[in-house]
Protein backbone atom coordinates (compact mmCIF):
# COMPACT_ATOMS: atom_id res chain seq x y z
CA MET A 1 18.42 30.18 14.44
CA SER A 2 14.66 29.99 14.79
CA GLY A 3 12.63 30.83 17.84
CA PRO A 4 10.95 28.37 20.22
CA LEU A 5 8.78 25.66 18.65
CA THR A 6 5.94 25.95 21.11
CA LYS A 7 3.67 24.11 18.68
CA PRO A 8 5.68 22.87 15.72
CA ARG A 9 3.89 23.02 12.42
CA VAL A 10 3.40 19.55 10.99
CA VAL A 11 2.94 19.18 7.23
CA ILE A 12 1.56 15.82 6.11
CA ILE A 13 1.90 15.00 2.42
CA GLY A 14 -0.98 12.81 1.28
CA ALA A 15 -4.58 12.42 2.41
CA GLY A 16 -5.06 8.70 1.97
CA PHE A 17 -5.65 6.31 4.85
CA GLY A 18 -2.12 6.86 6.19
CA GLY A 19 -2.38 10.64 6.15
CA ILE A 20 -5.84 10.55 7.72
CA ALA A 21 -4.62 8.25 10.50
CA ALA A 22 -1.65 10.51 11.24
CA ALA A 23 -3.69 13.71 11.26
CA ALA A 24 -6.53 12.22 13.33
CA GLU A 25 -4.10 10.97 16.00
CA LEU A 26 -2.29 14.30 16.23
CA LEU A 27 -5.58 16.17 16.53
CA LYS A 28 -6.85 13.78 19.20
CA GLN A 29 -3.72 14.48 21.24
CA GLY A 30 -4.05 18.25 20.90
CA LEU A 31 -1.14 18.56 18.48
CA ASP A 32 -3.25 20.60 16.12
CA ASN A 33 -0.80 22.85 14.28
CA LEU A 34 -0.92 20.82 11.11
CA VAL A 35 -1.88 20.88 7.45
CA LEU A 36 -2.23 18.13 4.86
CA LEU A 37 -1.15 18.66 1.26
CA GLU A 38 -2.99 16.53 -1.28
CA LYS A 39 -2.32 16.68 -5.01
CA ALA A 40 -5.80 15.37 -5.90
CA ASP A 41 -9.12 17.09 -5.29
CA GLN A 42 -10.39 14.78 -2.53
CA VAL A 43 -9.17 12.45 0.20
CA GLY A 44 -9.02 8.69 -0.23
CA GLY A 45 -5.67 7.71 -1.75
CA VAL A 46 -5.78 4.39 -3.59
CA TRP A 47 -9.55 4.14 -3.09
CA ARG A 48 -9.96 7.45 -4.88
CA ASP A 49 -7.69 6.36 -7.72
CA ASN A 50 -8.90 2.78 -8.23
CA SER A 51 -12.39 2.42 -9.65
CA TYR A 52 -12.03 -0.44 -12.13
CA PRO A 53 -14.90 -2.97 -12.45
CA GLY A 54 -14.96 -5.33 -9.49
CA CYS A 55 -12.67 -3.16 -7.35
CA ALA A 56 -13.20 -4.07 -3.70
CA CYS A 57 -11.36 -4.59 -0.45
CA ASP A 58 -9.37 -7.83 -0.13
CA VAL A 59 -9.25 -7.58 3.67
CA PRO A 60 -12.52 -8.06 5.59
CA ALA A 61 -14.07 -4.68 6.38
CA PRO A 62 -14.23 -5.19 10.18
CA LEU A 63 -10.42 -5.02 10.16
CA TYR A 64 -10.01 -2.71 7.18
CA SER A 65 -11.16 0.22 9.27
CA TYR A 66 -9.69 2.30 12.05
CA SER A 67 -10.08 0.96 15.58
CA PHE A 68 -11.22 4.44 16.62
CA ALA A 69 -13.84 4.66 13.85
CA LEU A 70 -15.52 1.29 13.41
CA ASN A 71 -18.16 1.40 10.71
CA PRO A 72 -21.69 -0.03 11.14
CA ARG A 73 -22.62 0.77 7.52
CA TRP A 74 -20.68 -1.88 5.59
CA SER A 75 -22.96 -3.67 3.15
CA ARG A 76 -20.82 -6.81 3.13
CA ARG A 77 -17.70 -8.37 4.61
CA PHE A 78 -15.56 -7.38 1.59
CA PRO A 79 -17.07 -4.04 0.51
CA PRO A 80 -16.64 -2.39 -2.91
CA TYR A 81 -14.27 0.52 -3.39
CA ASP A 82 -16.94 3.23 -3.29
CA GLU A 83 -18.00 2.21 0.24
CA ILE A 84 -14.39 2.32 1.40
CA LEU A 85 -13.89 5.72 -0.18
CA ALA A 86 -17.06 7.00 1.49
CA TYR A 87 -15.79 5.64 4.83
CA ALA A 88 -12.47 7.47 4.39
CA ARG A 89 -14.29 10.73 3.66
CA ARG A 90 -16.64 10.39 6.63
CA THR A 91 -13.78 9.59 8.96
CA ALA A 92 -11.74 12.55 7.72
CA ASP A 93 -14.75 14.82 8.22
CA ARG A 94 -15.61 13.40 11.64
CA PHE A 95 -12.14 13.94 13.10
CA GLY A 96 -11.57 17.38 11.63
CA VAL A 97 -9.02 16.24 9.06
CA THR A 98 -10.74 17.37 5.87
CA GLU A 99 -10.84 21.01 6.90
CA ARG A 100 -7.05 20.94 7.25
CA VAL A 101 -6.38 19.59 3.76
CA ARG A 102 -5.13 21.82 0.97
CA PHE A 103 -6.17 20.11 -2.23
CA GLY A 104 -4.47 20.40 -5.60
CA ILE A 105 -1.03 20.83 -4.00
CA GLU A 106 1.77 18.61 -5.29
CA VAL A 107 5.10 18.79 -3.47
CA THR A 108 8.11 18.42 -5.78
CA ASP A 109 11.00 19.31 -3.44
CA ALA A 110 11.68 19.45 0.28
CA VAL A 111 14.93 20.88 1.63
CA TRP A 112 16.12 20.98 5.25
CA ASP A 113 17.09 24.54 6.22
CA ALA A 114 19.69 23.94 8.94
CA GLU A 115 19.88 27.55 10.07
CA ALA A 116 16.12 27.99 10.42
CA GLU A 117 15.61 24.37 11.57
CA ARG A 118 12.73 24.01 9.14
CA TRP A 119 11.76 22.09 6.05
CA ARG A 120 11.19 24.25 2.98
CA LEU A 121 8.81 22.67 0.52
CA THR A 122 8.33 23.66 -3.11
CA THR A 123 5.14 22.79 -4.97
CA SER A 124 4.62 22.14 -8.66
CA ALA A 125 3.06 25.63 -8.85
CA GLY A 126 6.23 27.20 -7.41
CA GLU A 127 4.76 27.95 -3.97
CA GLU A 128 7.03 27.63 -0.94
CA ILE A 129 5.61 26.05 2.21
CA VAL A 130 7.48 25.86 5.51
CA ALA A 131 7.24 22.94 7.95
CA ASP A 132 8.84 22.24 11.31
CA ILE A 133 8.01 18.55 10.93
CA LEU A 134 7.52 16.85 7.58
CA VAL A 135 5.41 13.68 7.34
CA PRO A 136 5.32 12.07 3.90
CA ALA A 137 2.27 9.77 3.83
CA VAL A 138 2.19 9.03 0.11
CA GLY A 139 2.21 5.28 0.66
CA GLN A 140 3.64 2.40 -1.34
CA LEU A 141 0.67 2.16 -3.69
CA SER A 142 0.43 5.60 -5.23
CA ARG A 143 2.47 5.25 -8.44
CA PRO A 144 1.24 2.66 -10.96
CA SER A 145 3.85 0.30 -12.35
CA THR A 146 3.45 -0.08 -16.10
CA PRO A 147 5.69 -2.56 -17.95
CA SER A 148 7.63 -1.34 -20.96
CA LEU A 149 6.20 -3.45 -23.77
CA LEU A 150 7.83 -3.30 -27.18
CA GLY A 151 5.59 -1.71 -29.79
CA VAL A 152 2.88 -0.47 -27.43
CA GLU A 153 2.85 2.89 -29.22
CA ARG A 154 1.56 1.10 -32.32
CA PHE A 155 -1.43 -0.43 -30.57
CA ALA A 156 -4.62 0.61 -32.35
CA GLY A 157 -6.84 0.16 -29.31
CA ARG A 158 -6.77 1.75 -25.89
CA ALA A 159 -4.37 0.98 -23.04
CA VAL A 160 -5.10 1.76 -19.38
CA HIS A 161 -3.76 0.87 -15.93
CA THR A 162 -6.31 -0.33 -13.37
CA ALA A 163 -5.22 2.50 -11.04
CA ARG A 164 -6.10 5.06 -13.71
CA TRP A 165 -9.39 3.55 -14.82
CA ASP A 166 -11.78 5.65 -16.87
CA PRO A 167 -15.43 4.67 -16.21
CA SER A 168 -16.36 5.68 -19.76
CA ILE A 169 -14.27 2.84 -21.21
CA PRO A 170 -16.60 0.46 -23.10
CA ILE A 171 -16.51 -3.16 -21.95
CA ASP A 172 -19.46 -4.87 -23.60
CA GLY A 173 -18.54 -6.80 -26.71
CA LYS A 174 -14.86 -5.88 -26.54
CA ARG A 175 -11.80 -8.11 -26.70
CA ILE A 176 -9.85 -7.35 -23.53
CA ALA A 177 -6.26 -8.23 -22.71
CA VAL A 178 -5.31 -8.13 -19.03
CA VAL A 179 -1.61 -8.15 -18.16
CA GLY A 180 -1.05 -9.43 -14.62
CA THR A 181 -2.65 -11.82 -12.16
CA GLY A 182 -2.41 -9.91 -8.90
CA ALA A 183 -4.96 -8.38 -6.56
CA SER A 184 -6.56 -6.07 -9.14
CA ALA A 185 -6.68 -8.69 -11.91
CA ILE A 186 -8.48 -11.27 -9.80
CA GLN A 187 -11.24 -8.70 -9.21
CA LEU A 188 -11.35 -7.15 -12.69
CA VAL A 189 -11.43 -10.29 -14.81
CA PRO A 190 -14.50 -11.93 -13.19
CA ALA A 191 -16.29 -8.55 -13.38
CA VAL A 192 -15.79 -8.12 -17.14
CA ALA A 193 -15.99 -11.76 -18.25
CA GLY A 194 -19.38 -12.39 -19.80
CA ARG A 195 -19.72 -8.74 -20.79
CA ALA A 196 -16.66 -8.69 -23.01
CA GLU A 197 -16.52 -10.73 -26.20
CA HIS A 198 -13.33 -12.35 -24.92
CA VAL A 199 -10.83 -11.82 -22.12
CA THR A 200 -7.19 -12.88 -22.46
CA VAL A 201 -5.17 -12.96 -19.24
CA PHE A 202 -1.37 -12.84 -19.40
CA GLN A 203 0.22 -14.50 -16.38
CA ARG A 204 3.85 -14.25 -15.28
CA SER A 205 3.35 -16.29 -12.13
CA ALA A 206 0.30 -17.92 -10.58
CA PRO A 207 -0.90 -16.33 -7.31
CA TRP A 208 -1.81 -18.22 -4.19
CA THR A 209 -5.54 -17.99 -3.57
CA LEU A 210 -7.91 -18.90 -0.76
CA PRO A 211 -11.73 -19.05 -0.77
CA LYS A 212 -13.25 -15.65 -0.12
CA PRO A 213 -15.58 -15.84 2.91
CA ASP A 214 -17.73 -12.98 1.71
CA ARG A 215 -21.31 -12.37 2.78
CA ARG A 216 -23.88 -9.61 2.72
CA TYR A 217 -24.69 -7.72 5.89
CA GLY A 218 -28.45 -7.46 6.24
CA ALA A 219 -30.44 -4.54 7.57
CA GLY A 220 -30.86 -6.27 10.93
CA ARG A 221 -27.13 -6.65 11.44
CA ARG A 222 -26.45 -3.03 10.46
CA PHE A 223 -29.21 -1.85 12.81
CA ALA A 224 -27.68 -3.84 15.68
CA TYR A 225 -24.25 -2.39 14.96
CA ARG A 226 -25.64 1.15 15.04
CA LYS A 227 -27.50 0.62 18.30
CA MET A 228 -24.80 -1.44 20.02
CA PRO A 229 -21.43 -0.32 18.58
CA TRP A 230 -19.53 -2.68 20.88
CA LEU A 231 -20.79 -5.55 18.71
CA LEU A 232 -18.47 -4.32 15.96
CA ARG A 233 -15.55 -5.51 18.06
CA LEU A 234 -16.61 -9.14 17.64
CA PRO A 235 -16.15 -9.54 13.86
CA ARG A 236 -13.01 -7.42 14.13
CA ALA A 237 -11.55 -9.84 16.67
CA ALA A 238 -12.56 -12.83 14.55
CA THR A 239 -10.94 -11.34 11.48
CA TRP A 240 -7.81 -10.55 13.44
CA ALA A 241 -7.63 -14.18 14.54
CA MET A 242 -7.90 -15.29 10.91
CA THR A 243 -5.04 -12.98 9.89
CA ILE A 244 -2.89 -14.46 12.65
CA VAL A 245 -3.17 -17.83 10.89
CA THR A 246 -2.33 -16.35 7.48
CA GLY A 247 0.43 -14.29 9.09
CA LEU A 248 2.00 -17.39 10.60
CA ALA A 249 1.79 -19.12 7.23
CA VAL A 250 3.66 -16.41 5.34
CA THR A 251 6.28 -15.91 8.04
CA GLY A 252 7.42 -19.52 8.14
CA ASN A 253 5.19 -21.40 10.59
CA ARG A 254 5.09 -24.89 9.08
CA PRO A 255 1.72 -26.16 10.39
CA ALA A 256 -0.06 -22.92 9.44
CA GLY A 257 1.64 -22.88 6.06
CA ALA A 258 0.76 -26.50 5.37
CA PHE A 259 -2.85 -25.92 6.36
CA LEU A 260 -3.33 -22.91 4.08
CA ARG A 261 -1.48 -24.53 1.18
CA GLY A 262 -3.79 -27.48 1.58
CA VAL A 263 -6.88 -25.27 1.52
CA SER A 264 -5.57 -23.49 -1.56
CA GLY A 265 -4.88 -26.82 -3.27
CA LEU A 266 -8.39 -28.07 -2.53
CA GLN A 267 -9.81 -24.85 -3.94
CA ARG A 268 -7.91 -25.37 -7.21
CA ARG A 269 -8.96 -29.00 -7.44
CA TRP A 270 -12.63 -28.16 -6.77
CA GLN A 271 -12.88 -25.09 -9.01
CA VAL A 272 -10.62 -26.14 -11.90
CA ARG A 273 -11.52 -29.55 -13.31
CA ASP A 274 -9.20 -29.34 -16.32
CA PRO A 275 -5.83 -30.79 -15.19
CA ALA A 276 -3.85 -28.75 -17.75
CA LEU A 277 -5.39 -25.47 -16.60
CA ARG A 278 -5.01 -26.49 -12.97
CA ALA A 279 -1.30 -27.01 -13.51
CA ARG A 280 -0.94 -23.51 -14.94
CA VAL A 281 -2.76 -21.86 -12.02
CA THR A 282 -0.72 -23.76 -9.43
CA PRO A 283 1.87 -21.42 -7.83
CA ASP A 284 5.53 -22.38 -8.13
CA GLU A 285 6.73 -19.96 -5.45
CA PRO A 286 6.38 -20.14 -1.66
CA MET A 287 3.14 -18.84 -0.20
CA GLY A 288 3.70 -15.22 0.79
CA CYS A 289 5.96 -14.19 -2.10
CA LYS A 290 3.00 -12.15 -3.31
CA ARG A 291 -0.13 -11.22 -1.42
CA VAL A 292 -2.35 -14.23 -0.78
CA LEU A 293 -5.60 -13.45 -2.57
CA PHE A 294 -9.09 -14.15 -1.31
CA THR A 295 -11.37 -15.02 -4.22
CA SER A 296 -14.12 -17.46 -5.06
CA SER A 297 -14.62 -16.32 -8.66
CA TRP A 298 -11.10 -16.07 -10.16
CA LEU A 299 -10.47 -19.74 -10.90
CA PRO A 300 -13.96 -20.51 -12.28
CA THR A 301 -13.65 -17.45 -14.51
CA LEU A 302 -10.38 -18.71 -16.00
CA ALA A 303 -12.20 -21.94 -16.94
CA ARG A 304 -14.82 -20.07 -18.99
CA PRO A 305 -14.77 -20.63 -22.78
CA ASP A 306 -14.59 -16.87 -23.38
CA VAL A 307 -11.51 -16.47 -21.16
CA THR A 308 -7.99 -17.55 -22.08
CA LEU A 309 -5.05 -17.79 -19.70
CA VAL A 310 -1.71 -17.21 -21.45
CA THR A 311 1.55 -18.13 -19.74
CA GLU A 312 3.84 -17.54 -22.72
CA LYS A 313 6.10 -14.49 -22.42
CA ILE A 314 4.89 -11.30 -24.09
CA VAL A 315 7.23 -10.37 -26.95
CA GLU A 316 5.60 -7.26 -28.36
CA VAL A 317 2.40 -5.32 -28.85
CA VAL A 318 1.16 -5.14 -32.41
CA PRO A 319 -1.59 -2.87 -33.77
CA ASP A 320 -4.33 -5.44 -33.22
CA GLY A 321 -3.12 -7.26 -30.12
CA ILE A 322 -0.25 -8.89 -28.24
CA ARG A 323 2.30 -11.30 -29.66
CA THR A 324 3.77 -13.94 -27.35
CA ALA A 325 6.98 -15.96 -27.57
CA ASP A 326 5.25 -18.85 -29.35
CA GLY A 327 4.35 -16.52 -32.24
CA THR A 328 0.65 -16.27 -31.41
CA VAL A 329 -1.05 -12.89 -31.77
CA HIS A 330 -3.80 -12.48 -29.18
CA ALA A 331 -6.26 -9.99 -30.59
CA CYS A 332 -7.61 -7.26 -28.33
CA ASP A 333 -9.33 -3.87 -28.45
CA LEU A 334 -8.50 -2.87 -24.87
CA LEU A 335 -5.19 -3.47 -23.09
CA VAL A 336 -5.40 -3.34 -19.29
CA TYR A 337 -2.32 -3.24 -17.10
CA ALA A 338 -3.17 -4.96 -13.81
CA THR A 339 0.48 -4.71 -12.83
CA GLY A 340 0.37 -3.06 -9.43
CA PHE A 341 2.53 -0.24 -8.17
CA ALA A 342 6.15 0.89 -7.99
CA ALA A 343 6.19 -0.07 -4.32
CA THR A 344 9.99 0.04 -3.93
CA GLU A 345 10.28 3.63 -5.21
CA PHE A 346 9.39 5.41 -1.98
CA LEU A 347 8.42 9.10 -2.18
CA ALA A 348 9.29 9.36 -5.90
CA PRO A 349 9.21 11.65 -7.76
CA MET A 350 9.66 14.05 -4.80
CA ARG A 351 13.22 15.19 -4.17
CA ILE A 352 14.07 15.41 -0.48
CA THR A 353 17.33 16.95 0.72
CA GLY A 354 18.44 16.59 4.32
CA ARG A 355 21.45 17.72 6.31
CA ASP A 356 24.65 18.75 4.49
CA GLY A 357 22.86 18.68 1.15
CA ARG A 358 22.43 14.90 1.18
CA THR A 359 19.43 13.71 -0.80
CA LEU A 360 17.21 10.82 0.17
CA ASP A 361 18.01 9.23 -3.20
CA GLU A 362 21.68 9.18 -2.18
CA GLU A 363 20.87 7.78 1.26
CA TRP A 364 18.75 5.09 -0.36
CA ARG A 365 20.99 4.30 -3.33
CA ASP A 366 21.18 0.64 -2.25
CA GLY A 367 17.49 0.49 -1.32
CA ALA A 368 15.14 2.36 0.98
CA TYR A 369 15.28 1.86 4.74
CA ALA A 370 14.04 3.68 7.82
CA TYR A 371 14.09 3.01 11.54
CA LEU A 372 10.73 1.36 12.31
CA GLY A 373 9.81 2.43 8.78
CA VAL A 374 9.57 5.99 10.10
CA ALA A 375 12.90 7.82 10.54
CA VAL A 376 16.07 8.19 8.42
CA PRO A 377 19.50 9.43 9.68
CA ASP A 378 20.56 12.90 8.47
CA PHE A 379 16.93 13.87 7.86
CA PRO A 380 15.81 15.71 11.01
CA ASN A 381 12.09 15.93 11.76
CA LEU A 382 11.25 13.78 8.73
CA PHE A 383 8.88 10.99 9.80
CA LEU A 384 7.31 8.59 7.31
CA ILE A 385 3.92 6.92 7.32
CA TYR A 386 3.86 3.57 5.43
CA GLY A 387 7.60 3.71 4.96
CA PRO A 388 10.08 0.94 4.10
CA ASN A 389 9.41 -2.55 5.47
CA THR A 390 5.96 -1.72 6.84
CA ASN A 391 3.87 -3.43 4.18
CA THR A 392 1.80 -6.44 5.16
CA GLY A 393 0.89 -9.40 3.02
CA ASN A 394 -1.73 -10.89 5.28
CA THR A 395 -3.55 -8.33 7.42
CA SER A 396 -4.87 -4.78 7.30
CA VAL A 397 -2.38 -2.03 6.53
CA LEU A 398 -4.58 0.32 8.56
CA TYR A 399 -3.36 -1.53 11.66
CA PHE A 400 0.18 -0.45 10.74
CA HIS A 401 -0.98 3.09 9.97
CA GLU A 402 -2.47 3.46 13.43
CA ALA A 403 0.71 2.17 15.08
CA GLN A 404 2.79 4.64 13.07
CA ALA A 405 0.40 7.49 13.84
CA ARG A 406 0.71 6.92 17.59
CA TYR A 407 4.48 6.71 17.30
CA LEU A 408 4.48 9.92 15.23
CA ALA A 409 2.48 11.71 17.93
CA GLY A 410 5.12 10.71 20.46
CA LEU A 411 7.86 12.15 18.26
CA VAL A 412 5.96 15.40 17.70
CA ARG A 413 5.43 15.75 21.44
CA ARG A 414 9.14 15.30 22.08
CA VAL A 415 10.03 17.94 19.49
CA THR A 416 7.57 20.26 21.22
CA GLU A 417 8.97 19.60 24.69
CA GLY A 418 12.64 19.63 23.70
CA GLN A 419 12.38 22.69 21.48
CA THR A 420 14.85 21.15 18.99
CA PRO A 421 14.50 18.89 15.95
CA LEU A 422 14.98 15.14 16.36
CA GLU A 423 16.98 12.78 14.22
CA VAL A 424 17.31 9.02 14.54
CA ARG A 425 20.78 7.87 15.50
CA ARG A 426 22.56 6.28 12.55
CA GLU A 427 23.78 3.32 14.56
CA ARG A 428 20.20 2.50 15.63
CA ALA A 429 18.87 2.82 12.08
CA THR A 430 21.72 0.72 10.67
CA ALA A 431 21.25 -2.03 13.25
CA TYR A 432 17.50 -2.06 12.65
CA ASP A 433 17.95 -2.29 8.88
CA GLY A 434 20.41 -5.14 9.35
CA GLU A 435 17.84 -6.95 11.46
CA MET A 436 15.14 -6.47 8.83
CA GLN A 437 17.28 -7.74 5.96
CA SER A 438 18.58 -10.67 7.99
CA ARG A 439 15.09 -11.77 8.98
CA LEU A 440 13.76 -11.32 5.46
CA ALA A 441 16.69 -13.26 3.99
CA GLY A 442 15.84 -16.19 6.23
CA SER A 443 12.13 -16.08 5.46
CA VAL A 444 9.72 -17.15 2.74
CA TRP A 445 10.75 -14.15 0.64
CA THR A 446 14.16 -15.72 -0.01
CA GLY A 447 12.63 -17.84 -2.76
CA CYS A 448 10.64 -15.04 -4.33
CA GLN A 449 11.20 -13.49 -7.72
CA SER A 450 12.71 -10.07 -8.37
CA TRP A 451 9.61 -7.87 -8.12
CA TYR A 452 9.84 -7.99 -4.30
CA ARG A 453 13.43 -6.76 -4.42
CA THR A 454 15.47 -3.74 -5.46
CA ALA A 455 18.24 -3.99 -8.05
CA THR A 456 20.67 -4.64 -5.19
CA GLY A 457 18.63 -7.60 -3.93
CA ARG A 458 17.22 -5.91 -0.83
CA ILE A 459 13.62 -6.44 0.23
CA VAL A 460 12.37 -2.99 1.18
CA THR A 461 8.60 -3.30 1.27
CA ASN A 462 7.60 -6.09 3.63
CA TRP A 463 7.57 -6.40 7.40
CA PRO A 464 9.18 -9.75 8.32
CA GLY A 465 7.13 -10.60 11.39
CA MET A 466 3.63 -10.52 12.81
CA ALA A 467 1.67 -7.29 12.94
CA GLY A 468 1.44 -7.43 16.74
CA GLU A 469 5.22 -7.27 17.00
CA TYR A 470 5.30 -4.06 14.96
CA ARG A 471 2.67 -2.50 17.19
CA ARG A 472 4.66 -3.39 20.30
CA ARG A 473 7.86 -1.94 18.89
CA THR A 474 6.17 1.34 18.01
CA SER A 475 4.17 1.59 21.25
CA HIS A 476 6.50 4.26 22.64
CA VAL A 477 9.43 6.41 21.58
CA ASP A 478 12.76 5.35 23.07
CA ASP A 479 14.69 8.55 23.69
CA GLY A 480 17.95 6.68 23.20
CA ASP A 481 17.03 6.11 19.55
CA TYR A 482 17.09 9.82 18.74
CA THR A 483 19.35 12.80 19.14
CA ALA A 484 18.47 16.48 19.21
CA ILE A 485 19.80 18.42 16.23
CA THR A 486 20.45 22.16 16.32
CA ALA A 487 22.02 24.54 13.85
CA ARG A 488 25.05 24.74 16.13
CA ASN A 489 25.84 21.02 16.30
CA GLU A 490 25.02 20.55 12.61
CA THR A 491 27.71 23.07 11.76
CA ALA A 492 30.12 21.48 14.19
CA GLY A 493 29.32 17.95 12.99
């Protein structure tokens, strides 16, 4: 058995916004025996990986920032990706996070050593790293989801996912096919239309959209924010109030839902004058099935003569384009997958083995779950950031990250004080998961298509309520939710 854990070593996997939030909170509370392992060469997560044309934040910047690091430098309400990445880097530097990151380290395996009461990590280079507390913060948006299209290997052009964009890819004068109509597509397509010879958009389902209330922040405003930082709280509060309305709409509040559906309908009627096209861009699923998208350029772009919206099913990729079910071949030189991420495949491809040799894949065979999105039974001292059922379709995920980071700090402090590892009680985790699935089953997501669900029909990504509820429930650690695990009672159990 190991010696006393006077200051348990915390290993955080991932240096995106979730990892930065966790590390910054621990450091602020004096829990400074930590290291972050990042497989890339810089911090930033999705904002490091996504650099496609038009890439920008789809949550207003006053809220898409940490409450402890409000930013007076934003150039506009919805800033481009490079500003967000720069903000992440500055914040990591300011709070001493960057100096604790080991870059170029990819964790492939993590095994709980019951005798030593430690996690033993193995990297892709074969290095072993030991952790008292393991905090995977790899997020739900780290692994691109690419559809398996028949014949894609025969395509004579180039194929790329938006999350793996190469800035050297030529756009001007090219025929571009974009598969998908989600958050990345509604930014990419308006940015390349007019430069490309033609853009063909392949739509599986129409997204709900709302007008994007974007605006530039002038030098005077930025000067005022620098001199009087408290002013930054005002637009943050206003944005929060707006997300309450959208949150109510996607969680079943009828008046809020009716109001936003009405606004969305007016936007389609105003921006799309062709009735046939308007019918094809009208969603046939409840609002909230997919993220509601703020845009003022998507619908007008689809009405351009050099842009075609295709709703026929893709049958195959041929050397010079894409063939759809009606037999039409849509010619293209560049195929872009704007198809999002494998959000339901948490922590993959890492292999994590907990007590008694049980793997997380086995524990999650029917779909991922975790108590408060953080803790899993039989996996002592394993605490997730941005875990199952902590995604948000209407507000800033950084709000959830901060709540999880504070909760994590409470857990780390209890491990320090109790001198033994902690594990969530199975009955608490099971009851919590039952609550999540019951609430989700009775919500707007009931009518959604399969991409929000696992093969077993479970919804494992979304939080079913308002963001404020999640913050309240993670405001403190309830000691009755956890049990201390030692080598002795593991053997006995």
